């Protein structure tokens, strides 16, 4: 299959959609990102890489970081994890306070903000004082790239404007679902969301999830088959906030989005994909990126269904 030709076709076909979304302007640093960026990368198991657009341009991964932190706690924390969060689709906005209160401070899943904050709290309990350095170390290892870092400007911007996230952690603290100091946990959380990567780097970083937890290139095992299955199933059912069902319907692949405009997706036992376009739809997912992935699975026939 001529993947490069398909990517070039997709780049042309999504052009009419530019200008129809909106960047995540509630985070000031992201509001300054140009809206017309586009990149799409494929990483195959045999090491081949294909791409189109600004594949080396780094952007804020935001909620895509939740894949990596959840992988870390799945590996280290075990079954106790499921007492502190559920694994069901939320059906509500990713930062909903109403649902969290209704469910007594137990987040619906690890990919909404409340769930990811609990995951970060667990990592701080495991790696006291070193949680963020361990997160960054893990991402460097799965991406096979020692140069990954976070964007300090974005992290500061998030900490100054993240009032809803601070409300979420305080509510969970009141229900005794946060063990550590809330300021420490939020400092780590804002940094992890501010990690900066390109589509080429992100597609490489999630490749192990398309291969039952084993990096097919380095042969390193990061998760057991069972753990990888759980994470991938959550990507399919919860990876796009309350538009996860629509993404599964249109694209048909496990995936995870971030409000920085990135989306990663997996073709099991074959490849990983990442697309970036900063303008978001009303649900907080990349408008152009979602369409690009829909076109990709339509043109290639590569879907889990």
Protein backbone atom coordinates (compact mmCIF):
# COMPACT_ATOMS: atom_id res chain seq x y z
CA UNK A 1 0.00 0.00 0.00
CA UNK A 2 1.34 3.45 -0.93
CA UNK A 3 1.02 5.16 2.45
CA UNK A 4 2.84 8.31 1.39
CA UNK A 5 0.44 8.90 -1.50
CA UNK A 6 -2.53 8.37 0.82
CA UNK A 7 -1.18 10.89 3.32
CA UNK A 8 -0.66 13.46 0.58
CA UNK A 9 -4.24 12.94 -0.61
CA UNK A 10 -5.53 13.43 2.93
CA UNK A 11 -3.58 16.66 3.36
CA UNK A 12 -5.29 18.10 0.29
CA UNK A 13 -8.75 16.83 1.17
CA UNK A 14 -8.83 18.36 4.67
CA UNK A 15 -7.86 21.86 3.52
CA UNK A 16 -11.50 23.11 3.29
CA UNK A 17 -11.91 22.43 7.04
CA UNK A 18 -9.31 24.93 8.20
CA UNK A 19 -10.93 27.91 9.89
CA UNK A 20 -13.96 25.93 11.05
CA UNK A 21 -12.61 25.02 14.48
CA UNK A 22 -11.17 26.97 17.40
CA UNK A 23 -7.87 26.67 19.24
CA UNK A 24 -7.91 26.01 23.01
CA UNK A 25 -7.90 29.68 23.96
CA UNK A 26 -8.77 29.03 27.62
CA UNK A 27 -5.07 28.19 28.04
CA UNK A 28 -3.34 31.46 27.07
CA UNK A 29 -0.16 29.80 25.76
CA UNK A 30 -2.20 27.57 23.44
CA UNK A 31 -4.26 30.53 22.24
CA UNK A 32 -1.10 31.89 20.63
CA UNK A 33 -0.49 28.78 18.51
CA UNK A 34 -1.19 29.31 14.82
CA UNK A 35 -4.39 27.61 13.70
CA UNK A 36 -3.32 26.38 10.25
CA UNK A 37 -0.67 23.86 11.26
CA UNK A 38 -1.01 20.31 10.00
CA UNK A 39 1.08 17.17 10.32
CA UNK A 40 0.41 13.45 10.06
CA UNK A 41 2.85 10.61 10.75
CA UNK A 42 2.75 6.82 10.47
CA UNK A 43 5.15 4.48 12.29
CA UNK A 44 5.20 0.85 11.14
CA UNK A 45 6.48 -2.14 13.11
CA UNK A 46 9.30 -2.71 10.63
CA UNK A 47 10.71 0.77 11.30
CA UNK A 48 9.35 2.50 8.21
CA UNK A 49 8.09 6.03 8.80
CA UNK A 50 5.77 8.07 6.58
CA UNK A 51 4.67 11.64 7.05
CA UNK A 52 3.16 14.75 5.57
CA UNK A 53 3.16 18.37 6.74
CA UNK A 54 5.08 19.66 9.76
CA UNK A 55 6.03 16.25 11.14
CA UNK A 56 9.01 17.60 13.12
CA UNK A 57 7.17 20.55 14.68
CA UNK A 58 6.61 20.00 18.39
CA UNK A 59 3.36 20.89 20.11
CA UNK A 60 1.81 20.50 23.55
CA UNK A 61 0.59 16.90 23.91
CA UNK A 62 -1.89 17.81 26.68
CA UNK A 63 -4.23 14.86 27.36
CA UNK A 64 -2.25 12.46 25.17
CA UNK A 65 0.12 12.37 28.16
CA UNK A 66 -2.61 10.48 30.03
CA UNK A 67 -1.80 7.38 27.99
CA UNK A 68 1.72 7.27 29.37
CA UNK A 69 0.88 8.05 33.00
CA UNK A 70 -1.89 5.45 33.00
CA UNK A 71 0.51 2.89 31.50
CA UNK A 72 2.88 3.64 34.38
CA UNK A 73 0.31 3.09 37.11
CA UNK A 74 -1.11 0.00 35.41
CA UNK A 75 2.34 -1.49 35.54
CA UNK A 76 3.21 -0.39 39.09
CA UNK A 77 -0.03 -0.12 41.07
CA UNK A 78 -2.07 -3.17 40.13
CA UNK A 79 -5.70 -3.89 40.93
CA UNK A 80 -5.87 -1.30 43.71
CA UNK A 81 -6.09 1.28 40.92
CA UNK A 82 -9.67 0.32 40.15
CA UNK A 83 -10.83 1.32 43.62
CA UNK A 84 -9.91 4.94 42.87
CA UNK A 85 -11.38 5.32 39.39
CA UNK A 86 -13.76 3.56 37.06
CA UNK A 87 -13.30 2.62 33.40
CA UNK A 88 -16.55 3.73 31.83
CA UNK A 89 -17.19 6.49 29.24
CA UNK A 90 -18.11 9.76 30.92
CA UNK A 91 -20.80 11.12 28.62
CA UNK A 92 -19.91 14.54 30.03
CA UNK A 93 -17.28 17.22 29.37
CA UNK A 94 -13.72 16.21 30.30
CA UNK A 95 -13.64 18.68 33.21
CA UNK A 96 -17.13 18.08 34.65
CA UNK A 97 -17.53 18.83 38.35
CA UNK A 98 -21.16 17.72 38.43
CA UNK A 99 -20.44 14.12 37.51
CA UNK A 100 -17.52 13.91 39.94
CA UNK A 101 -19.66 15.10 42.86
CA UNK A 102 -22.53 12.79 41.90
CA UNK A 103 -20.14 9.83 41.95
CA UNK A 104 -18.56 10.71 45.31
CA UNK A 105 -15.17 11.82 44.03
CA UNK A 106 -14.46 8.68 41.98
CA UNK A 107 -13.63 9.70 38.37
CA UNK A 108 -15.45 7.87 35.62
CA UNK A 109 -12.22 6.94 33.77
CA UNK A 110 -8.49 7.84 33.70
CA UNK A 111 -8.73 9.90 30.50
CA UNK A 112 -10.96 12.68 31.79
CA UNK A 113 -9.13 15.33 33.80
CA UNK A 114 -10.24 14.12 37.23
CA UNK A 115 -9.11 10.58 36.48
CA UNK A 116 -5.76 11.73 35.15
CA UNK A 117 -5.22 13.84 38.27
CA UNK A 118 -5.80 10.76 40.44
CA UNK A 119 -3.28 8.88 38.29
CA UNK A 120 -0.76 11.67 38.87
CA UNK A 121 -1.46 11.52 42.61
CA UNK A 122 -0.72 7.78 42.57
CA UNK A 123 2.55 8.38 40.73
CA UNK A 124 3.53 10.97 43.34
CA UNK A 125 2.87 8.36 46.05
CA UNK A 126 5.02 5.82 44.23
CA UNK A 127 7.86 8.19 43.28
CA UNK A 128 7.75 10.79 46.06
CA UNK A 129 9.27 14.04 44.81
CA UNK A 130 10.34 12.44 41.53
CA UNK A 131 7.04 11.73 39.79
CA UNK A 132 7.46 14.16 36.91
CA UNK A 133 11.04 13.12 36.21
CA UNK A 134 9.84 9.50 36.12
CA UNK A 135 7.01 10.41 33.71
CA UNK A 136 9.45 12.17 31.41
CA UNK A 137 11.90 9.28 31.68
CA UNK A 138 9.18 6.80 30.71
CA UNK A 139 8.12 8.85 27.68
CA UNK A 140 11.74 9.15 26.56
CA UNK A 141 12.08 5.38 26.83
CA UNK A 142 8.92 4.43 24.91
CA UNK A 143 9.71 7.01 22.22
CA UNK A 144 13.36 5.90 22.08
CA UNK A 145 14.25 9.60 22.21
CA UNK A 146 16.23 11.21 25.03
CA UNK A 147 15.48 14.75 23.83
CA UNK A 148 11.80 14.88 24.83
CA UNK A 149 11.04 17.72 27.28
CA UNK A 150 8.21 19.91 28.48
CA UNK A 151 7.35 23.49 27.54
CA UNK A 152 7.83 25.67 30.62
CA UNK A 153 5.75 28.52 29.16
CA UNK A 154 2.76 26.23 28.64
CA UNK A 155 3.13 24.73 32.13
CA UNK A 156 3.13 28.19 33.75
CA UNK A 157 0.18 29.27 31.60
CA UNK A 158 -1.81 26.21 32.66
CA UNK A 159 -1.01 26.69 36.34
CA UNK A 160 -2.24 30.28 36.17
CA UNK A 161 -5.48 29.45 34.35
CA UNK A 162 -6.32 25.91 35.52
CA UNK A 163 -8.99 26.86 38.04
CA UNK A 164 -11.40 24.10 37.00
CA UNK A 165 -8.69 21.45 37.40
CA UNK A 166 -7.83 22.85 40.83
CA UNK A 167 -11.52 22.63 41.74
CA UNK A 168 -11.55 18.98 40.62
CA UNK A 169 -8.60 17.98 42.81
CA UNK A 170 -10.00 19.82 45.82
CA UNK A 171 -13.32 18.04 45.44
CA UNK A 172 -11.57 14.66 45.21
CA UNK A 173 -9.45 15.57 48.23
CA UNK A 174 -12.66 16.17 50.19
CA UNK A 175 -13.74 12.61 49.28
CA UNK A 176 -10.30 11.29 50.36
CA UNK A 177 -9.36 10.22 46.83
CA UNK A 178 -6.19 12.34 46.77
CA UNK A 179 -3.33 11.32 49.06
CA UNK A 180 -0.71 14.01 48.46
CA UNK A 181 -0.53 17.78 48.70
CA UNK A 182 -2.85 19.19 46.04
CA UNK A 183 -0.40 21.89 44.92
CA UNK A 184 2.34 19.31 44.40
CA UNK A 185 0.05 17.03 42.39
CA UNK A 186 -1.23 19.86 40.19
CA UNK A 187 2.31 21.08 39.54
CA UNK A 188 3.17 17.64 38.19
CA UNK A 189 -0.08 17.41 36.22
CA UNK A 190 0.41 20.75 34.49
CA UNK A 191 3.97 19.79 33.55
CA UNK A 192 2.96 16.44 32.09
CA UNK A 193 0.28 18.10 29.95
CA UNK A 194 2.93 20.56 28.75
CA UNK A 195 5.26 17.89 27.37
CA UNK A 196 6.15 18.88 23.82
CA UNK A 197 6.40 16.33 21.00
CA UNK A 198 5.99 16.13 17.23
CA UNK A 199 3.71 13.76 15.32
CA UNK A 200 6.76 11.71 14.36
CA UNK A 201 7.79 11.40 18.00
CA UNK A 202 4.30 10.62 19.29
CA UNK A 203 3.61 7.94 16.70
CA UNK A 204 6.86 6.28 17.77
CA UNK A 205 6.02 6.63 21.47
CA UNK A 206 2.69 4.76 21.31
CA UNK A 207 3.91 1.97 19.02
CA UNK A 208 4.25 -0.49 21.92
CA UNK A 209 0.50 -0.26 22.51
CA UNK A 210 -0.20 -1.54 18.99
CA UNK A 211 1.93 -4.61 19.77
CA UNK A 212 0.46 -5.96 23.03
CA UNK A 213 2.76 -3.86 25.23
CA UNK A 214 6.05 -4.68 23.48
CA UNK A 215 8.01 -2.19 21.37
CA UNK A 216 8.35 -4.09 18.06
CA UNK A 217 11.58 -2.27 17.20
CA UNK A 218 13.57 -2.40 20.46
CA UNK A 219 11.74 -5.55 21.71
CA UNK A 220 11.31 -3.98 25.18
CA UNK A 221 8.16 -4.96 27.07
CA UNK A 222 6.44 -2.03 28.81
CA UNK A 223 3.09 -3.63 29.66
CA UNK A 224 1.72 -7.15 29.87
CA UNK A 225 -0.72 -8.24 27.15
CA UNK A 226 -3.59 -7.88 29.62
CA UNK A 227 -2.54 -4.36 30.65
CA UNK A 228 -2.13 -3.27 27.03
CA UNK A 229 -5.60 -4.65 26.24
CA UNK A 230 -7.11 -2.64 29.07
CA UNK A 231 -5.39 0.57 28.04
CA UNK A 232 -6.32 0.17 24.37
CA UNK A 233 -9.95 -0.56 25.22
CA UNK A 234 -10.08 2.65 27.26
CA UNK A 235 -8.61 4.57 24.32
CA UNK A 236 -11.44 3.28 22.14
CA UNK A 237 -14.26 3.96 24.60
CA UNK A 238 -12.96 7.01 26.50
CA UNK A 239 -10.09 8.51 24.51
CA UNK A 240 -12.00 11.46 23.04
CA UNK A 241 -14.02 12.72 25.99
CA UNK A 242 -17.75 12.66 25.32
CA UNK A 243 -17.13 12.29 21.56
CA UNK A 244 -15.48 8.88 21.97
CA UNK A 245 -18.42 7.03 20.46
CA UNK A 246 -18.42 9.34 17.44
CA UNK A 247 -14.67 8.82 16.95
CA UNK A 248 -15.09 5.04 17.09
CA UNK A 249 -17.98 5.32 14.62
CA UNK A 250 -16.06 7.47 12.14
CA UNK A 251 -12.48 6.24 12.53
CA UNK A 252 -12.73 2.76 14.03
CA UNK A 253 -9.39 2.75 15.87
CA UNK A 254 -8.32 3.12 19.51
CA UNK A 255 -7.07 6.67 19.95
CA UNK A 256 -6.40 9.53 22.33
CA UNK A 257 -6.73 13.24 21.72
CA UNK A 258 -5.39 16.34 23.42
CA UNK A 259 -6.54 19.96 23.34
CA UNK A 260 -3.19 20.91 21.84
CA UNK A 261 -4.65 19.51 18.61
CA UNK A 262 -2.91 16.15 18.57
CA UNK A 263 -4.50 12.72 18.17
CA UNK A 264 -2.76 9.34 18.32
CA UNK A 265 -4.35 6.15 17.01
CA UNK A 266 -3.37 2.49 16.80
CA UNK A 267 -3.70 -0.11 14.07
CA UNK A 268 -3.11 -3.30 16.09
CA UNK A 269 -0.18 -5.45 14.98
CA UNK A 270 0.76 -3.05 12.20
CA UNK A 271 1.34 0.64 13.03
CA UNK A 272 0.65 3.73 15.06
CA UNK A 273 -0.56 7.06 13.70
CA UNK A 274 -0.43 10.64 14.92
CA UNK A 275 -2.05 13.74 13.46
CA UNK A 276 -1.84 17.36 14.62
CA UNK A 277 -4.01 20.33 13.76
CA UNK A 278 -4.70 22.87 16.55
CA UNK A 279 -8.26 23.91 15.75
CA UNK A 280 -10.72 21.95 17.90
CA UNK A 281 -14.33 20.94 17.46
CA UNK A 282 -17.00 21.60 20.11
CA UNK A 283 -15.96 18.48 22.06
CA UNK A 284 -12.31 19.52 22.41
CA UNK A 285 -10.85 17.25 19.72
CA UNK A 286 -8.89 18.31 16.64
CA UNK A 287 -11.46 19.00 13.93
CA UNK A 288 -9.09 18.49 10.99
CA UNK A 289 -7.25 15.67 12.76
CA UNK A 290 -10.41 13.65 13.30
CA UNK A 291 -11.36 13.99 9.64
CA UNK A 292 -7.82 13.07 8.55
CA UNK A 293 -7.99 9.83 10.53
CA UNK A 294 -11.46 9.05 9.18
CA UNK A 295 -10.12 9.49 5.65
CA UNK A 296 -7.11 7.33 6.49
CA UNK A 297 -9.14 4.33 7.65
CA UNK A 298 -11.56 4.76 4.74
CA UNK A 299 -8.79 4.86 2.13
CA UNK A 300 -6.71 2.05 3.63
CA UNK A 301 -9.45 -0.18 5.04
CA UNK A 302 -7.41 -0.38 8.25
CA UNK A 303 -9.88 -0.52 11.13
CA UNK A 304 -10.46 -2.84 14.05
CA UNK A 305 -14.02 -3.39 12.81
